[in-house]
């Protein structure tokens, strides 16, 4: 009987964890959407001011690519 209770507790724990993580993912998606909207507003304002945003983005990505380090996968961290 103790084994059955332990299994049921484990199942409940994992289901609760998944439920919490799904809600966290939903909130993160909402935050990313807001950040994207704000970025688009700033890009539009810079374009109106005559800044070539695409040119600057290419320069930034080129600079970042030359010295970038790959991050370890989460499995390696855990």
PDB file of N, CA and C in Angstrom:
ATOM      1  N   UNK A   1       0.828  -1.202   0.000  1.00  0.00           N
ATOM      2  CA  UNK A   1       0.000   0.000   0.000  1.00  0.00           C
ATOM      3  C   UNK A   1       0.867   1.258   0.000  1.00  0.00           C
ATOM      4  N   UNK A   2       1.991   1.193   0.708  1.00  0.00           N
ATOM      5  CA  UNK A   2       2.887   2.358   0.767  1.00  0.00           C
ATOM      6  C   UNK A   2       3.452   2.663  -0.614  1.00  0.00           C
ATOM      7  N   UNK A   3       3.731   1.618  -1.386  1.00  0.00           N
ATOM      8  CA  UNK A   3       4.255   1.818  -2.734  1.00  0.00           C
ATOM      9  C   UNK A   3       3.214   2.505  -3.623  1.00  0.00           C
ATOM     10  N   UNK A   4       1.956   2.112  -3.484  1.00  0.00           N
ATOM     11  CA  UNK A   4       0.865   2.714  -4.268  1.00  0.00           C
ATOM     12  C   UNK A   4       0.716   4.195  -3.910  1.00  0.00           C
ATOM     13  N   UNK A   5       0.765   4.507  -2.633  1.00  0.00           N
ATOM     14  CA  UNK A   5       0.649   5.902  -2.200  1.00  0.00           C
ATOM     15  C   UNK A   5       1.832   6.712  -2.737  1.00  0.00           C
ATOM     16  N   UNK A   6       3.006   6.141  -2.662  1.00  0.00           N
ATOM     17  CA  UNK A   6       4.190   6.830  -3.148  1.00  0.00           C
ATOM     18  C   UNK A   6       4.063   7.116  -4.644  1.00  0.00           C
ATOM     19  N   UNK A   7       3.577   6.132  -5.399  1.00  0.00           N
ATOM     20  CA  UNK A   7       3.400   6.303  -6.843  1.00  0.00           C
ATOM     21  C   UNK A   7       2.364   7.396  -7.118  1.00  0.00           C
ATOM     22  N   UNK A   8       1.255   7.368  -6.390  1.00  0.00           N
ATOM     23  CA  UNK A   8       0.211   8.383  -6.565  1.00  0.00           C
ATOM     24  C   UNK A   8       0.736   9.777  -6.212  1.00  0.00           C
ATOM     25  N   UNK A   9       1.549   9.846  -5.174  1.00  0.00           N
ATOM     26  CA  UNK A   9       2.144  11.135  -4.804  1.00  0.00           C
ATOM     27  C   UNK A   9       3.064  11.636  -5.898  1.00  0.00           C
ATOM     28  N   UNK A  10       3.844  10.732  -6.467  1.00  0.00           N
ATOM     29  CA  UNK A  10       4.754  11.111  -7.551  1.00  0.00           C
ATOM     30  C   UNK A  10       3.978  11.609  -8.766  1.00  0.00           C
ATOM     31  N   UNK A  11       2.911  10.904  -9.090  1.00  0.00           N
ATOM     32  CA  UNK A  11       2.079  11.310 -10.226  1.00  0.00           C
ATOM     33  C   UNK A  11       1.496  12.695  -9.969  1.00  0.00           C
ATOM     34  N   UNK A  12       0.973  12.913  -8.761  1.00  0.00           N
ATOM     35  CA  UNK A  12       0.429  14.218  -8.413  1.00  0.00           C
ATOM     36  C   UNK A  12       1.472  15.318  -8.485  1.00  0.00           C
ATOM     37  N   UNK A  13       2.667  15.015  -8.002  1.00  0.00           N
ATOM     38  CA  UNK A  13       3.756  15.989  -8.052  1.00  0.00           C
ATOM     39  C   UNK A  13       4.073  16.388  -9.486  1.00  0.00           C
ATOM     40  N   UNK A  14       4.218  15.397 -10.359  1.00  0.00           N
ATOM     41  CA  UNK A  14       4.571  15.682 -11.755  1.00  0.00           C
ATOM     42  C   UNK A  14       3.447  16.408 -12.486  1.00  0.00           C
ATOM     43  N   UNK A  15       2.203  16.025 -12.216  1.00  0.00           N
ATOM     44  CA  UNK A  15       1.071  16.725 -12.847  1.00  0.00           C
ATOM     45  C   UNK A  15       1.005  18.178 -12.375  1.00  0.00           C
ATOM     46  N   UNK A  16       1.217  18.395 -11.089  1.00  0.00           N
ATOM     47  CA  UNK A  16       1.225  19.757 -10.566  1.00  0.00           C
ATOM     48  C   UNK A  16       2.354  20.585 -11.151  1.00  0.00           C
ATOM     49  N   UNK A  17       3.514  19.958 -11.286  1.00  0.00           N
ATOM     50  CA  UNK A  17       4.660  20.655 -11.875  1.00  0.00           C
ATOM     51  C   UNK A  17       4.373  21.050 -13.316  1.00  0.00           C
ATOM     52  N   UNK A  18       3.802  20.128 -14.087  1.00  0.00           N
ATOM     53  CA  UNK A  18       3.476  20.433 -15.482  1.00  0.00           C
ATOM     54  C   UNK A  18       2.452  21.554 -15.581  1.00  0.00           C
ATOM     55  N   UNK A  19       1.478  21.542 -14.701  1.00  0.00           N
ATOM     56  CA  UNK A  19       0.466  22.591 -14.704  1.00  0.00           C
ATOM     57  C   UNK A  19       1.101  23.953 -14.418  1.00  0.00           C
ATOM     58  N   UNK A  20       1.963  23.992 -13.416  1.00  0.00           N
ATOM     59  CA  UNK A  20       2.646  25.238 -13.069  1.00  0.00           C
ATOM     60  C   UNK A  20       3.537  25.709 -14.210  1.00  0.00           C
ATOM     61  N   UNK A  21       4.290  24.799 -14.797  1.00  0.00           N
ATOM     62  CA  UNK A  21       5.190  25.168 -15.895  1.00  0.00           C
ATOM     63  C   UNK A  21       4.418  25.635 -17.122  1.00  0.00           C
ATOM     64  N   UNK A  22       3.268  25.041 -17.390  1.00  0.00           N
ATOM     65  CA  UNK A  22       2.451  25.479 -18.525  1.00  0.00           C
ATOM     66  C   UNK A  22       1.983  26.915 -18.309  1.00  0.00           C
ATOM     67  N   UNK A  23       1.598  27.239 -17.079  1.00  0.00           N
ATOM     68  CA  UNK A  23       1.184  28.613 -16.776  1.00  0.00           C
ATOM     69  C   UNK A  23       2.356  29.576 -16.881  1.00  0.00           C
ATOM     70  N   UNK A  24       3.529  29.152 -16.434  1.00  0.00           N
ATOM     71  CA  UNK A  24       4.731  29.977 -16.551  1.00  0.00           C
ATOM     72  C   UNK A  24       5.072  30.230 -18.020  1.00  0.00           C
ATOM     73  N   UNK A  25       4.958  29.183 -18.844  1.00  0.00           N
ATOM     74  CA  UNK A  25       5.236  29.332 -20.268  1.00  0.00           C
ATOM     75  C   UNK A  25       4.252  30.302 -20.913  1.00  0.00           C
ATOM     76  N   UNK A  26       2.992  30.220 -20.520  1.00  0.00           N
ATOM     77  CA  UNK A  26       1.969  31.123 -21.052  1.00  0.00           C
ATOM     78  C   UNK A  26       2.302  32.569 -20.682  1.00  0.00           C
ATOM     79  N   UNK A  27       2.711  32.796 -19.451  1.00  0.00           N
ATOM     80  CA  UNK A  27       3.065  34.148 -19.008  1.00  0.00           C
ATOM     81  C   UNK A  27       4.318  34.643 -19.723  1.00  0.00           C
ATOM     82  N   UNK A  28       5.288  33.762 -19.909  1.00  0.00           N
ATOM     83  CA  UNK A  28       6.509  34.140 -20.625  1.00  0.00           C
ATOM     84  C   UNK A  28       6.192  34.529 -22.066  1.00  0.00           C
ATOM     85  N   UNK A  29       5.298  33.795 -22.705  1.00  0.00           N
ATOM     86  CA  UNK A  29       4.876  34.120 -24.071  1.00  0.00           C
ATOM     87  C   UNK A  29       4.221  35.490 -24.121  1.00  0.00           C
ATOM     88  N   UNK A  30       3.414  35.801 -23.118  1.00  0.00           N
ATOM     89  CA  UNK A  30       2.770  37.113 -23.048  1.00  0.00           C
ATOM     90  C   UNK A  30       3.817  38.222 -22.890  1.00  0.00           C
ATOM     91  N   UNK A  31       4.805  37.995 -22.046  1.00  0.00           N
ATOM     92  CA  UNK A  31       5.859  38.992 -21.826  1.00  0.00           C
ATOM     93  C   UNK A  31       6.671  39.199 -23.102  1.00  0.00           C
ATOM     94  N   UNK A  32       7.013  38.103 -23.783  1.00  0.00           N
ATOM     95  CA  UNK A  32       7.769  38.207 -25.035  1.00  0.00           C
ATOM     96  C   UNK A  32       6.977  39.004 -26.064  1.00  0.00           C
ATOM     97  N   UNK A  33       5.686  38.802 -26.114  1.00  0.00           N
ATOM     98  CA  UNK A  33       4.835  39.543 -27.044  1.00  0.00           C
ATOM     99  C   UNK A  33       4.876  41.042 -26.749  1.00  0.00           C
ATOM    100  N   UNK A  34       4.814  41.395 -25.479  1.00  0.00           N
ATOM    101  CA  UNK A  34       4.868  42.813 -25.092  1.00  0.00           C
ATOM    102  C   UNK A  34       6.220  43.413 -25.464  1.00  0.00           C
ATOM    103  N   UNK A  35       7.304  42.677 -25.189  1.00  0.00           N
ATOM    104  CA  UNK A  35       8.643  43.162 -25.520  1.00  0.00           C
ATOM    105  C   UNK A  35       8.768  43.359 -27.027  1.00  0.00           C
ATOM    106  N   UNK A  36       8.236  42.424 -27.805  1.00  0.00           N
ATOM    107  CA  UNK A  36       8.291  42.531 -29.265  1.00  0.00           C
ATOM    108  C   UNK A  36       7.548  43.776 -29.749  1.00  0.00           C
ATOM    109  N   UNK A  37       6.380  44.049 -29.174  1.00  0.00           N
ATOM    110  CA  UNK A  37       5.628  45.253 -29.547  1.00  0.00           C
ATOM    111  C   UNK A  37       6.421  46.520 -29.235  1.00  0.00           C
ATOM    112  N   UNK A  38       7.038  46.553 -28.076  1.00  0.00           N
ATOM    113  CA  UNK A  38       7.843  47.725 -27.701  1.00  0.00           C
ATOM    114  C   UNK A  38       9.045  47.903 -28.627  1.00  0.00           C
ATOM    115  N   UNK A  39       9.684  46.790 -28.977  1.00  0.00           N
ATOM    116  CA  UNK A  39      10.819  46.864 -29.904  1.00  0.00           C
ATOM    117  C   UNK A  39      10.377  47.397 -31.260  1.00  0.00           C
ATOM    118  N   UNK A  40       9.227  46.929 -31.748  1.00  0.00           N
ATOM    119  CA  UNK A  40       8.730  47.403 -33.037  1.00  0.00           C
ATOM    120  C   UNK A  40       8.422  48.898 -32.997  1.00  0.00           C
ATOM    121  N   UNK A  41       7.918  49.382 -31.874  1.00  0.00           N
ATOM    122  CA  UNK A  41       7.652  50.820 -31.729  1.00  0.00           C
ATOM    123  C   UNK A  41       8.956  51.614 -31.805  1.00  0.00           C
ATOM    124  N   UNK A  42       9.996  51.133 -31.133  1.00  0.00           N
ATOM    125  CA  UNK A  42      11.281  51.834 -31.151  1.00  0.00           C
ATOM    126  C   UNK A  42      11.935  51.761 -32.535  1.00  0.00           C
ATOM    127  N   UNK A  43      11.804  50.633 -33.199  1.00  0.00           N
ATOM    128  CA  UNK A  43      12.337  50.502 -34.563  1.00  0.00           C
ATOM    129  C   UNK A  43      11.643  51.491 -35.485  1.00  0.00           C
ATOM    130  N   UNK A  44      10.330  51.588 -35.354  1.00  0.00           N
ATOM    131  CA  UNK A  44       9.583  52.549 -36.179  1.00  0.00           C
ATOM    132  C   UNK A  44      10.016  53.974 -35.923  1.00  0.00           C
ATOM    133  N   UNK A  45      10.232  54.316 -34.651  1.00  0.00           N
ATOM    134  CA  UNK A  45      10.676  55.674 -34.311  1.00  0.00           C
ATOM    135  C   UNK A  45      12.063  55.946 -34.867  1.00  0.00           C
ATOM    136  N   UNK A  46      12.957  54.972 -34.790  1.00  0.00           N
ATOM    137  CA  UNK A  46      14.307  55.156 -35.334  1.00  0.00           C
ATOM    138  C   UNK A  46      14.268  55.320 -36.851  1.00  0.00           C
ATOM    139  N   UNK A  47      13.422  54.559 -37.522  1.00  0.00           N
ATOM    140  CA  UNK A  47      13.296  54.695 -38.978  1.00  0.00           C
ATOM    141  C   UNK A  47      12.782  56.077 -39.343  1.00  0.00           C
ATOM    142  N   UNK A  48      11.822  56.590 -38.551  1.00  0.00           N
ATOM    143  CA  UNK A  48      11.308  57.937 -38.810  1.00  0.00           C
ATOM    144  C   UNK A  48      12.394  58.989 -38.625  1.00  0.00           C
ATOM    145  N   UNK A  49      13.354  58.700 -37.749  1.00  0.00           N
ATOM    146  CA  UNK A  49      14.458  59.626 -37.509  1.00  0.00           C
ATOM    147  C   UNK A  49      15.597  59.430 -38.500  1.00  0.00           C
ATOM    148  N   UNK A  50      15.434  58.513 -39.437  1.00  0.00           N
ATOM    149  CA  UNK A  50      16.421  58.321 -40.494  1.00  0.00           C
ATOM    150  C   UNK A  50      17.529  57.342 -40.175  1.00  0.00           C
ATOM    151  N   UNK A  51      17.379  56.560 -39.130  1.00  0.00           N
ATOM    152  CA  UNK A  51      18.401  55.584 -38.771  1.00  0.00           C
ATOM    153  C   UNK A  51      18.172  54.307 -39.571  1.00  0.00           C
ATOM    154  N   UNK A  52      19.257  53.807 -40.188  1.00  0.00           N
ATOM    155  CA  UNK A  52      19.168  52.551 -40.939  1.00  0.00           C
ATOM    156  C   UNK A  52      19.299  51.392 -39.955  1.00  0.00           C
ATOM    157  N   UNK A  53      18.173  50.945 -39.448  1.00  0.00           N
ATOM    158  CA  UNK A  53      18.138  49.924 -38.405  1.00  0.00           C
ATOM    159  C   UNK A  53      18.685  48.597 -38.927  1.00  0.00           C
ATOM    160  N   UNK A  54      18.372  48.236 -40.151  1.00  0.00           N
ATOM    161  CA  UNK A  54      18.827  46.963 -40.705  1.00  0.00           C
ATOM    162  C   UNK A  54      20.345  46.928 -40.817  1.00  0.00           C
ATOM    163  N   UNK A  55      20.939  48.019 -41.226  1.00  0.00           N
ATOM    164  CA  UNK A  55      22.403  48.097 -41.345  1.00  0.00           C
ATOM    165  C   UNK A  55      23.044  47.912 -39.971  1.00  0.00           C
ATOM    166  N   UNK A  56      22.516  48.594 -38.971  1.00  0.00           N
ATOM    167  CA  UNK A  56      23.077  48.489 -37.626  1.00  0.00           C
ATOM    168  C   UNK A  56      22.882  47.096 -37.045  1.00  0.00           C
ATOM    169  N   UNK A  57      21.757  46.467 -37.348  1.00  0.00           N
ATOM    170  CA  UNK A  57      21.509  45.107 -36.854  1.00  0.00           C
ATOM    171  C   UNK A  57      22.502  44.127 -37.456  1.00  0.00           C
ATOM    172  N   UNK A  58      22.821  44.298 -38.737  1.00  0.00           N
ATOM    173  CA  UNK A  58      23.810  43.427 -39.376  1.00  0.00           C
ATOM    174  C   UNK A  58      25.175  43.606 -38.739  1.00  0.00           C
ATOM    175  N   UNK A  59      25.544  44.842 -38.427  1.00  0.00           N
ATOM    176  CA  UNK A  59      26.831  45.100 -37.795  1.00  0.00           C
ATOM    177  C   UNK A  59      26.902  44.468 -36.408  1.00  0.00           C
ATOM    178  N   UNK A  60      25.818  44.571 -35.670  1.00  0.00           N
ATOM    179  CA  UNK A  60      25.786  43.995 -34.322  1.00  0.00           C
ATOM    180  C   UNK A  60      25.885  42.480 -34.391  1.00  0.00           C
ATOM    181  N   UNK A  61      25.148  41.865 -35.311  1.00  0.00           N
ATOM    182  CA  UNK A  61      25.180  40.403 -35.409  1.00  0.00           C
ATOM    183  C   UNK A  61      26.538  39.922 -35.900  1.00  0.00           C
ATOM    184  N   UNK A  62      27.186  40.714 -36.768  1.00  0.00           N
ATOM    185  CA  UNK A  62      28.521  40.354 -37.245  1.00  0.00           C
ATOM    186  C   UNK A  62      29.516  40.410 -36.098  1.00  0.00           C
ATOM    187  N   UNK A  63      29.442  41.448 -35.286  1.00  0.00           N
ATOM    188  CA  UNK A  63      30.339  41.588 -34.141  1.00  0.00           C
ATOM    189  C   UNK A  63      30.091  40.488 -33.117  1.00  0.00           C
ATOM    190  N   UNK A  64      28.854  40.171 -32.876  1.00  0.00           N
ATOM    191  CA  UNK A  64      28.508  39.136 -31.898  1.00  0.00           C
ATOM    192  C   UNK A  64      28.927  37.759 -32.397  1.00  0.00           C
ATOM    193  N   UNK A  65      28.863  37.530 -33.686  1.00  0.00           N
ATOM    194  CA  UNK A  65      29.217  36.234 -34.248  1.00  0.00           C
ATOM    195  C   UNK A  65      30.688  35.927 -34.179  1.00  0.00           C
ATOM    196  N   UNK A  66      31.535  36.944 -34.170  1.00  0.00           N
ATOM    197  CA  UNK A  66      32.969  36.701 -34.174  1.00  0.00           C
ATOM    198  C   UNK A  66      33.486  36.221 -32.830  1.00  0.00           C
ATOM    199  N   UNK A  67      32.845  36.600 -31.737  1.00  0.00           N
ATOM    200  CA  UNK A  67      33.332  36.191 -30.434  1.00  0.00           C
ATOM    201  C   UNK A  67      32.310  35.441 -29.620  1.00  0.00           C
ATOM    202  N   UNK A  68      31.355  34.829 -30.284  1.00  0.00           N
ATOM    203  CA  UNK A  68      30.277  34.175 -29.537  1.00  0.00           C
ATOM    204  C   UNK A  68      30.735  32.830 -28.990  1.00  0.00           C
ATOM    205  N   UNK A  69      30.210  32.503 -27.829  1.00  0.00           N
ATOM    206  CA  UNK A  69      30.451  31.205 -27.217  1.00  0.00           C
ATOM    207  C   UNK A  69      29.110  30.511 -27.075  1.00  0.00           C
ATOM    208  N   UNK A  70      29.084  29.225 -27.386  1.00  0.00           N
ATOM    209  CA  UNK A  70      27.849  28.467 -27.229  1.00  0.00           C
ATOM    210  C   UNK A  70      27.619  28.196 -25.754  1.00  0.00           C
ATOM    211  N   UNK A  71      26.389  28.378 -25.324  1.00  0.00           N
ATOM    212  CA  UNK A  71      26.041  28.049 -23.948  1.00  0.00           C
ATOM    213  C   UNK A  71      25.801  26.552 -23.846  1.00  0.00           C
ATOM    214  N   UNK A  72      26.110  26.023 -22.690  1.00  0.00           N
ATOM    215  CA  UNK A  72      25.915  24.598 -22.457  1.00  0.00           C
ATOM    216  C   UNK A  72      24.420  24.288 -22.415  1.00  0.00           C
ATOM    217  N   UNK A  73      24.022  23.153 -22.963  1.00  0.00           N
ATOM    218  CA  UNK A  73      22.614  22.761 -22.873  1.00  0.00           C
ATOM    219  C   UNK A  73      22.209  22.588 -21.415  1.00  0.00           C
ATOM    220  N   UNK A  74      20.932  22.768 -21.155  1.00  0.00           N
ATOM    221  CA  UNK A  74      20.450  22.675 -19.779  1.00  0.00           C
ATOM    222  C   UNK A  74      20.745  21.303 -19.175  1.00  0.00           C
ATOM    223  N   UNK A  75      20.777  20.271 -19.998  1.00  0.00           N
ATOM    224  CA  UNK A  75      21.069  18.934 -19.483  1.00  0.00           C
ATOM    225  C   UNK A  75      22.473  18.878 -18.883  1.00  0.00           C
ATOM    226  N   UNK A  76      23.421  19.603 -19.481  1.00  0.00           N
ATOM    227  CA  UNK A  76      24.783  19.608 -18.961  1.00  0.00           C
ATOM    228  C   UNK A  76      24.879  20.404 -17.663  1.00  0.00           C
ATOM    229  N   UNK A  77      24.061  21.430 -17.539  1.00  0.00           N
ATOM    230  CA  UNK A  77      24.078  22.253 -16.341  1.00  0.00           C
ATOM    231  C   UNK A  77      23.506  21.486 -15.165  1.00  0.00           C
ATOM    232  N   UNK A  78      22.417  20.738 -15.438  1.00  0.00           N
ATOM    233  CA  UNK A  78      21.768  19.972 -14.377  1.00  0.00           C
ATOM    234  C   UNK A  78      22.609  18.774 -14.065  1.00  0.00           C
TER     235      UNK A  78
END
